[in-house]
């Protein structure tokens, strides 16, 4: 028997507001428990100039307890 215990998801968003919205949405998700999250501002520079800026958001979601697994979970990923 296989049990999905947790996942780590990494997202790129353009603004701090989008990062906060993504985190709040993950907190409200009833299919998993958000156990950890981080939001980090990133810049890409070329010749001393900022050519790209974004936020890296990492979410760690827990689905069941590793010591006493109860639920079997299947994740489906969709590319849009």
Protein backbone atom coordinates (compact mmCIF):
# COMPACT_ATOMS: atom_id res chain seq x y z
CA UNK A 1 0.00 0.00 0.00
CA UNK A 2 1.28 3.49 -0.84
CA UNK A 3 0.42 6.64 1.06
CA UNK A 4 1.27 10.14 -0.06
CA UNK A 5 2.53 11.86 3.08
CA UNK A 6 3.54 15.32 1.86
CA UNK A 7 4.57 17.36 -1.14
CA UNK A 8 6.70 20.44 -1.70
CA UNK A 9 5.48 22.79 -4.42
CA UNK A 10 7.53 25.66 -5.81
CA UNK A 11 5.81 28.50 -7.67
CA UNK A 12 6.95 31.65 -9.43
CA UNK A 13 4.64 34.67 -9.21
CA UNK A 14 5.12 38.23 -10.38
CA UNK A 15 4.07 40.23 -7.32
CA UNK A 16 4.07 40.05 -3.53
CA UNK A 17 0.27 40.28 -3.60
CA UNK A 18 0.10 37.15 -5.77
CA UNK A 19 2.45 35.36 -3.38
CA UNK A 20 0.24 36.24 -0.39
CA UNK A 21 -2.87 35.17 -2.30
CA UNK A 22 -1.29 31.82 -3.20
CA UNK A 23 -0.32 31.18 0.44
CA UNK A 24 -3.78 32.13 1.74
CA UNK A 25 -5.39 29.86 -0.85
CA UNK A 26 -3.19 26.96 0.28
CA UNK A 27 -4.15 27.61 3.91
CA UNK A 28 -7.85 27.32 3.00
CA UNK A 29 -7.44 24.07 1.02
CA UNK A 30 -9.39 21.29 2.74
CA UNK A 31 -7.56 18.44 0.96
CA UNK A 32 -4.25 19.03 2.73
CA UNK A 33 -2.66 20.85 5.65
CA UNK A 34 -0.16 23.58 4.89
CA UNK A 35 2.74 22.76 7.21
CA UNK A 36 5.32 25.25 5.94
CA UNK A 37 5.59 28.07 3.42
CA UNK A 38 8.15 30.60 2.28
CA UNK A 39 8.06 33.58 -0.04
CA UNK A 40 11.30 35.00 -1.39
CA UNK A 41 11.93 37.99 -3.66
CA UNK A 42 14.33 37.20 -6.51
CA UNK A 43 16.13 39.32 -9.09
CA UNK A 44 18.06 38.43 -12.21
CA UNK A 45 20.75 40.90 -13.19
CA UNK A 46 22.81 41.42 -16.31
CA UNK A 47 25.65 43.91 -16.37
CA UNK A 48 24.49 45.35 -13.06
CA UNK A 49 20.92 45.98 -14.25
CA UNK A 50 17.85 44.14 -13.02
CA UNK A 51 16.39 42.35 -16.04
CA UNK A 52 13.82 40.21 -14.23
CA UNK A 53 12.17 40.19 -10.81
CA UNK A 54 9.71 37.75 -9.26
CA UNK A 55 8.73 35.95 -6.06
CA UNK A 56 9.54 32.30 -5.38
CA UNK A 57 6.87 30.67 -3.20
CA UNK A 58 7.35 27.24 -1.64
CA UNK A 59 4.47 25.35 -0.05
CA UNK A 60 4.79 22.13 1.95
CA UNK A 61 1.48 20.28 2.13
CA UNK A 62 0.78 17.31 4.41
CA UNK A 63 -1.87 14.76 3.51
CA UNK A 64 -1.68 12.10 6.23
CA UNK A 65 0.44 11.10 9.23
CA UNK A 66 3.45 8.95 8.32
CA UNK A 67 3.15 6.91 11.55
CA UNK A 68 -0.55 6.16 11.17
CA UNK A 69 -1.58 6.81 7.57
CA UNK A 70 -5.33 6.97 7.11
CA UNK A 71 -6.03 8.46 3.70
CA UNK A 72 -4.82 7.45 0.29
CA UNK A 73 -4.31 10.48 -1.91
CA UNK A 74 -3.64 10.75 -5.62
CA UNK A 75 -2.41 14.00 -7.12
CA UNK A 76 -3.19 14.85 -10.73
CA UNK A 77 -1.10 17.53 -12.41
CA UNK A 78 -2.51 19.48 -15.32
CA UNK A 79 -0.43 21.55 -17.71
CA UNK A 80 -2.24 24.59 -19.03
